[in-house]
C-alpha atoms as a PDB file:
ATOM      1  CA  UNK A   1     229.723 366.019 107.559  1.00  0.00           C
ATOM      2  CA  UNK A   2     230.653 369.676 109.361  1.00  0.00           C
ATOM      3  CA  UNK A   3     228.293 372.488 109.408  1.00  0.00           C
ATOM      4  CA  UNK A   4     228.914 375.109 106.657  1.00  0.00           C
ATOM      5  CA  UNK A   5     230.190 378.599 107.689  1.00  0.00           C
ATOM      6  CA  UNK A   6     231.044 379.710 104.228  1.00  0.00           C
ATOM      7  CA  UNK A   7     228.577 380.291 101.043  1.00  0.00           C
ATOM      8  CA  UNK A   8     230.559 378.066  98.822  1.00  0.00           C
ATOM      9  CA  UNK A   9     230.331 374.604 101.462  1.00  0.00           C
ATOM     10  CA  UNK A  10     226.920 375.280 101.824  1.00  0.00           C
ATOM     11  CA  UNK A  11     225.963 375.816  97.712  1.00  0.00           C
ATOM     12  CA  UNK A  12     228.403 372.476  98.308  1.00  0.00           C
ATOM     13  CA  UNK A  13     225.642 370.326 100.349  1.00  0.00           C
ATOM     14  CA  UNK A  14     222.973 371.875  98.767  1.00  0.00           C
ATOM     15  CA  UNK A  15     224.221 370.746  95.537  1.00  0.00           C
ATOM     16  CA  UNK A  16     224.848 367.155  97.013  1.00  0.00           C
ATOM     17  CA  UNK A  17     221.430 367.121  97.780  1.00  0.00           C
ATOM     18  CA  UNK A  18     219.891 367.952  94.979  1.00  0.00           C
ATOM     19  CA  UNK A  19     216.694 369.360  96.461  1.00  0.00           C
ATOM     20  CA  UNK A  20     217.149 372.297  94.091  1.00  0.00           C
ATOM     21  CA  UNK A  21     217.390 372.578  90.140  1.00  0.00           C
ATOM     22  CA  UNK A  22     220.732 373.787  89.545  1.00  0.00           C
ATOM     23  CA  UNK A  23     219.664 375.873  86.869  1.00  0.00           C
ATOM     24  CA  UNK A  24     217.244 377.808  89.107  1.00  0.00           C
ATOM     25  CA  UNK A  25     220.034 378.331  91.711  1.00  0.00           C
ATOM     26  CA  UNK A  26     222.688 379.229  89.333  1.00  0.00           C
ATOM     27  CA  UNK A  27     219.999 381.755  88.203  1.00  0.00           C
ATOM     28  CA  UNK A  28     219.094 383.026  91.906  1.00  0.00           C
ATOM     29  CA  UNK A  29     222.688 383.336  92.183  1.00  0.00           C
ATOM     30  CA  UNK A  30     223.860 385.314  89.807  1.00  0.00           C
ATOM     31  CA  UNK A  31     220.810 387.558  90.817  1.00  0.00           C
ATOM     32  CA  UNK A  32     222.717 388.037  94.003  1.00  0.00           C
ATOM     33  CA  UNK A  33     225.979 388.658  92.441  1.00  0.00           C
ATOM     34  CA  UNK A  34     224.725 390.995  90.127  1.00  0.00           C
ATOM     35  CA  UNK A  35     223.564 392.956  92.850  1.00  0.00           C
ATOM     36  CA  UNK A  36     226.404 392.434  95.105  1.00  0.00           C
ATOM     37  CA  UNK A  37     224.232 390.823  97.829  1.00  0.00           C
ATOM     38  CA  UNK A  38     225.939 387.717  97.415  1.00  0.00           C
ATOM     39  CA  UNK A  39     227.243 386.833 101.351  1.00  0.00           C
ATOM     40  CA  UNK A  40     230.139 385.222 101.821  1.00  0.00           C
ATOM     41  CA  UNK A  41     228.944 383.329 105.060  1.00  0.00           C
ATOM     42  CA  UNK A  42     226.728 380.233 105.451  1.00  0.00           C
ATOM     43  CA  UNK A  43     223.870 381.420 107.442  1.00  0.00           C
ATOM     44  CA  UNK A  44     223.233 384.947 106.011  1.00  0.00           C
ATOM     45  CA  UNK A  45     223.143 382.745 102.793  1.00  0.00           C
ATOM     46  CA  UNK A  46     220.350 380.079 103.792  1.00  0.00           C
ATOM     47  CA  UNK A  47     218.560 383.140 105.502  1.00  0.00           C
ATOM     48  CA  UNK A  48     218.596 384.614 101.472  1.00  0.00           C
ATOM     49  CA  UNK A  49     217.633 381.648 100.179  1.00  0.00           C
ATOM     50  CA  UNK A  50     214.427 380.879 102.642  1.00  0.00           C
ATOM     51  CA  UNK A  51     213.215 384.635 101.959  1.00  0.00           C
ATOM     52  CA  UNK A  52     213.418 384.306  98.324  1.00  0.00           C
ATOM     53  CA  UNK A  53     211.960 381.031  98.422  1.00  0.00           C
ATOM     54  CA  UNK A  54     214.190 378.719  97.199  1.00  0.00           C
ATOM     55  CA  UNK A  55     214.356 376.779 100.626  1.00  0.00           C
ATOM     56  CA  UNK A  56     212.212 376.277 103.914  1.00  0.00           C
ATOM     57  CA  UNK A  57     213.347 377.184 107.264  1.00  0.00           C
ATOM     58  CA  UNK A  58     213.650 373.090 108.176  1.00  0.00           C
ATOM     59  CA  UNK A  59     215.506 372.592 104.950  1.00  0.00           C
ATOM     60  CA  UNK A  60     218.166 375.764 105.816  1.00  0.00           C
ATOM     61  CA  UNK A  61     218.445 374.358 109.254  1.00  0.00           C
ATOM     62  CA  UNK A  62     219.455 371.223 108.235  1.00  0.00           C
ATOM     63  CA  UNK A  63     222.123 372.348 105.874  1.00  0.00           C
ATOM     64  CA  UNK A  64     223.460 374.444 108.158  1.00  0.00           C
ATOM     65  CA  UNK A  65     223.836 371.758 110.338  1.00  0.00           C
ATOM     66  CA  UNK A  66     225.808 369.160 107.867  1.00  0.00           C
ATOM     67  CA  UNK A  67     223.554 367.337 106.692  1.00  0.00           C
ATOM     68  CA  UNK A  68     222.537 367.304 103.212  1.00  0.00           C
ATOM     69  CA  UNK A  69     220.810 363.462 102.972  1.00  0.00           C
ATOM     70  CA  UNK A  70     217.148 362.381 102.759  1.00  0.00           C
ATOM     71  CA  UNK A  71     215.850 365.540 101.115  1.00  0.00           C
ATOM     72  CA  UNK A  72     213.723 363.203  99.387  1.00  0.00           C
ATOM     73  CA  UNK A  73     211.639 360.848 100.080  1.00  0.00           C
ATOM     74  CA  UNK A  74     210.415 358.887  97.145  1.00  0.00           C
ATOM     75  CA  UNK A  75     208.965 360.685  94.487  1.00  0.00           C
ATOM     76  CA  UNK A  76     208.463 363.571  97.313  1.00  0.00           C
ATOM     77  CA  UNK A  77     210.701 366.569  98.179  1.00  0.00           C
ATOM     78  CA  UNK A  78     211.313 367.419 102.039  1.00  0.00           C
ATOM     79  CA  UNK A  79     209.718 370.867 103.089  1.00  0.00           C
ATOM     80  CA  UNK A  80     209.370 370.456 106.749  1.00  0.00           C
ATOM     81  CA  UNK A  81     208.897 368.518 109.713  1.00  0.00           C
ATOM     82  CA  UNK A  82     205.156 368.369 111.410  1.00  0.00           C
ATOM     83  CA  UNK A  83     206.140 366.017 114.160  1.00  0.00           C
ATOM     84  CA  UNK A  84     206.756 362.491 115.373  1.00  0.00           C
ATOM     85  CA  UNK A  85     205.002 359.638 116.866  1.00  0.00           C
ATOM     86  CA  UNK A  86     205.360 356.279 118.448  1.00  0.00           C
ATOM     87  CA  UNK A  87     205.217 354.920 114.585  1.00  0.00           C
ATOM     88  CA  UNK A  88     207.409 357.432 112.795  1.00  0.00           C
ATOM     89  CA  UNK A  89     207.821 360.869 111.861  1.00  0.00           C
ATOM     90  CA  UNK A  90     205.745 363.045 109.671  1.00  0.00           C
ATOM     91  CA  UNK A  91     207.000 365.265 106.890  1.00  0.00           C
ATOM     92  CA  UNK A  92     205.351 367.593 104.741  1.00  0.00           C
ATOM     93  CA  UNK A  93     206.123 366.963 101.492  1.00  0.00           C
ATOM     94  CA  UNK A  94     205.556 368.280  97.530  1.00  0.00           C
ATOM     95  CA  UNK A  95     205.553 365.357  94.632  1.00  0.00           C
ATOM     96  CA  UNK A  96     208.695 366.666  92.772  1.00  0.00           C
ATOM     97  CA  UNK A  97     206.067 366.366  89.104  1.00  0.00           C
ATOM     98  CA  UNK A  98     202.581 367.109  90.700  1.00  0.00           C
ATOM     99  CA  UNK A  99     203.583 370.129  93.081  1.00  0.00           C
ATOM    100  CA  UNK A 100     201.312 368.518  95.317  1.00  0.00           C
ATOM    101  CA  UNK A 101     202.129 368.877  99.052  1.00  0.00           C
ATOM    102  CA  UNK A 102     201.368 365.630 100.931  1.00  0.00           C
ATOM    103  CA  UNK A 103     201.650 364.829 104.527  1.00  0.00           C
ATOM    104  CA  UNK A 104     204.313 361.913 104.667  1.00  0.00           C
ATOM    105  CA  UNK A 105     205.161 359.829 107.174  1.00  0.00           C
ATOM    106  CA  UNK A 106     207.793 357.769 107.884  1.00  0.00           C
ATOM    107  CA  UNK A 107     208.794 354.532 109.580  1.00  0.00           C
ATOM    108  CA  UNK A 108     211.739 354.711 111.800  1.00  0.00           C
ATOM    109  CA  UNK A 109     214.920 352.215 110.004  1.00  0.00           C
ATOM    110  CA  UNK A 110     214.873 350.537 112.911  1.00  0.00           C
ATOM    111  CA  UNK A 111     211.361 349.285 113.315  1.00  0.00           C
ATOM    112  CA  UNK A 112     211.209 348.944 109.839  1.00  0.00           C
ATOM    113  CA  UNK A 113     213.800 346.023 110.544  1.00  0.00           C
ATOM    114  CA  UNK A 114     211.515 344.841 112.672  1.00  0.00           C
ATOM    115  CA  UNK A 115     208.551 342.553 110.902  1.00  0.00           C
ATOM    116  CA  UNK A 116     206.468 342.761 113.713  1.00  0.00           C
ATOM    117  CA  UNK A 117     206.461 346.490 113.655  1.00  0.00           C
ATOM    118  CA  UNK A 118     206.889 346.895 109.809  1.00  0.00           C
ATOM    119  CA  UNK A 119     203.276 344.883 109.295  1.00  0.00           C
ATOM    120  CA  UNK A 120     201.786 346.766 111.922  1.00  0.00           C
ATOM    121  CA  UNK A 121     202.953 349.953 109.530  1.00  0.00           C
ATOM    122  CA  UNK A 122     201.578 348.511 106.626  1.00  0.00           C
ATOM    123  CA  UNK A 123     197.977 347.201 108.099  1.00  0.00           C
ATOM    124  CA  UNK A 124     197.577 351.049 109.503  1.00  0.00           C
ATOM    125  CA  UNK A 125     197.982 351.930 106.037  1.00  0.00           C
ATOM    126  CA  UNK A 126     195.645 350.027 104.310  1.00  0.00           C
ATOM    127  CA  UNK A 127     192.448 350.690 107.532  1.00  0.00           C
ATOM    128  CA  UNK A 128     193.676 354.345 106.727  1.00  0.00           C
ATOM    129  CA  UNK A 129     193.488 353.796 102.731  1.00  0.00           C
ATOM    130  CA  UNK A 130     189.561 352.215 103.562  1.00  0.00           C
ATOM    131  CA  UNK A 131     188.351 355.395 105.087  1.00  0.00           C
ATOM    132  CA  UNK A 132     186.885 358.032 102.744  1.00  0.00           C
ATOM    133  CA  UNK A 133     185.389 360.733 105.152  1.00  0.00           C
ATOM    134  CA  UNK A 134     185.411 364.700 105.183  1.00  0.00           C
ATOM    135  CA  UNK A 135     186.737 364.750 108.649  1.00  0.00           C
ATOM    136  CA  UNK A 136     189.048 361.982 108.454  1.00  0.00           C
ATOM    137  CA  UNK A 137     192.967 362.473 106.582  1.00  0.00           C
ATOM    138  CA  UNK A 138     193.162 360.349 103.271  1.00  0.00           C
ATOM    139  CA  UNK A 139     195.588 358.231 102.765  1.00  0.00           C
ATOM    140  CA  UNK A 140     197.069 358.474  98.983  1.00  0.00           C
ATOM    141  CA  UNK A 141     200.240 355.837  98.798  1.00  0.00           C
ATOM    142  CA  UNK A 142     202.501 353.354 100.732  1.00  0.00           C
ATOM    143  CA  UNK A 143     205.816 352.687  99.266  1.00  0.00           C
ATOM    144  CA  UNK A 144     209.218 351.830 100.193  1.00  0.00           C
ATOM    145  CA  UNK A 145     212.936 354.166  99.164  1.00  0.00           C
ATOM    146  CA  UNK A 146     215.821 351.589  99.937  1.00  0.00           C
ATOM    147  CA  UNK A 147     214.908 351.031 103.497  1.00  0.00           C
ATOM    148  CA  UNK A 148     212.881 353.959 104.324  1.00  0.00           C
ATOM    149  CA  UNK A 149     208.798 352.623 104.460  1.00  0.00           C
ATOM    150  CA  UNK A 150     206.277 355.572 104.715  1.00  0.00           C
ATOM    151  CA  UNK A 151     202.545 356.153 104.027  1.00  0.00           C
ATOM    152  CA  UNK A 152     201.677 359.193 101.725  1.00  0.00           C
ATOM    153  CA  UNK A 153     198.673 361.300 103.316  1.00  0.00           C
ATOM    154  CA  UNK A 154     196.649 364.153 102.481  1.00  0.00           C
ATOM    155  CA  UNK A 155     197.732 367.532 104.042  1.00  0.00           C
ATOM    156  CA  UNK A 156     195.389 369.276 105.982  1.00  0.00           C
ATOM    157  CA  UNK A 157     197.010 373.005 106.006  1.00  0.00           C
ATOM    158  CA  UNK A 158     196.483 374.852 109.624  1.00  0.00           C
ATOM    159  CA  UNK A 159     196.617 375.159 113.133  1.00  0.00           C
ATOM    160  CA  UNK A 160     195.991 372.435 115.073  1.00  0.00           C
ATOM    161  CA  UNK A 161     192.883 372.836 118.552  1.00  0.00           C
ATOM    162  CA  UNK A 162     196.014 372.619 121.061  1.00  0.00           C
ATOM    163  CA  UNK A 163     197.993 375.087 118.470  1.00  0.00           C
ATOM    164  CA  UNK A 164     194.807 377.166 118.758  1.00  0.00           C
ATOM    165  CA  UNK A 165     194.465 377.192 122.453  1.00  0.00           C
ATOM    166  CA  UNK A 166     197.801 377.325 123.311  1.00  0.00           C
ATOM    167  CA  UNK A 167     197.547 380.703 120.834  1.00  0.00           C
ATOM    168  CA  UNK A 168     194.304 382.313 121.913  1.00  0.00           C
ATOM    169  CA  UNK A 169     193.097 380.712 125.622  1.00  0.00           C
ATOM    170  CA  UNK A 170     190.079 378.142 125.903  1.00  0.00           C
ATOM    171  CA  UNK A 171     187.461 378.256 123.668  1.00  0.00           C
ATOM    172  CA  UNK A 172     184.348 378.919 124.255  1.00  0.00           C
ATOM    173  CA  UNK A 173     182.244 376.021 124.521  1.00  0.00           C
ATOM    174  CA  UNK A 174     179.807 376.602 121.616  1.00  0.00           C
ATOM    175  CA  UNK A 175     183.247 376.675 119.508  1.00  0.00           C
ATOM    176  CA  UNK A 176     184.826 373.374 120.886  1.00  0.00           C
ATOM    177  CA  UNK A 177     182.153 371.454 120.440  1.00  0.00           C
ATOM    178  CA  UNK A 178     181.750 372.523 116.715  1.00  0.00           C
ATOM    179  CA  UNK A 179     185.637 370.966 117.182  1.00  0.00           C
ATOM    180  CA  UNK A 180     184.668 367.956 118.918  1.00  0.00           C
ATOM    181  CA  UNK A 181     181.354 366.807 116.918  1.00  0.00           C
ATOM    182  CA  UNK A 182     183.458 367.153 113.670  1.00  0.00           C
ATOM    183  CA  UNK A 183     186.823 364.753 115.356  1.00  0.00           C
ATOM    184  CA  UNK A 184     183.980 362.293 116.642  1.00  0.00           C
ATOM    185  CA  UNK A 185     181.821 362.128 113.351  1.00  0.00           C
ATOM    186  CA  UNK A 186     185.104 361.230 112.014  1.00  0.00           C
ATOM    187  CA  UNK A 187     185.929 358.687 114.756  1.00  0.00           C
ATOM    188  CA  UNK A 188     182.484 356.852 114.862  1.00  0.00           C
ATOM    189  CA  UNK A 189     183.256 356.567 110.872  1.00  0.00           C
ATOM    190  CA  UNK A 190     186.456 354.927 111.388  1.00  0.00           C
ATOM    191  CA  UNK A 191     184.791 352.400 113.979  1.00  0.00           C
ATOM    192  CA  UNK A 192     182.451 351.509 111.560  1.00  0.00           C
ATOM    193  CA  UNK A 193     183.974 351.278 108.749  1.00  0.00           C
ATOM    194  CA  UNK A 194     187.088 349.381 109.758  1.00  0.00           C
ATOM    195  CA  UNK A 195     186.738 349.033 113.740  1.00  0.00           C
ATOM    196  CA  UNK A 196     189.138 351.540 114.403  1.00  0.00           C
ATOM    197  CA  UNK A 197     188.974 352.298 118.209  1.00  0.00           C
ATOM    198  CA  UNK A 198     191.144 355.859 118.778  1.00  0.00           C
ATOM    199  CA  UNK A 199     193.926 355.149 121.932  1.00  0.00           C
END
């Protein structure tokens, strides 16, 4: 779909996506109308909806590119893209009923159609589910939504070590050792429990 330029085009995409409760959206739009602050421009409206907490930055960016599909994965609403790797992309999501935030790893459709890749993904989910340690992210569920296969995991809020070093520079040795020790203890548990070797 072409990128929206007007507020009405943006609202059409938002409504099609089903990501927002229509009553909540309508009530918010009415408030903006009454305050005479409902912009005609799609980018301005998107910025207001992000500011007011109705959309995340990621969602607004997707809508402004004309995208309105795949804002939900199974029972989870997609909030942000956290990253990507060889076996898929990871998104910050929120359970639609429980409102719990989780990390959802999605196997790319091309790999999902390959039986070997799909089997590897399911093995990974089973192995992660068998691990229970405070230094290892927990797996909650593995599921399928149409041809989309995904793994639901605990979301740990905060910056990665890479982000911390990029922001503040090299860490003092004792602090770095503290973090490395935590990772090593988690890896030791993974190896002893499931014979996992970190690559």
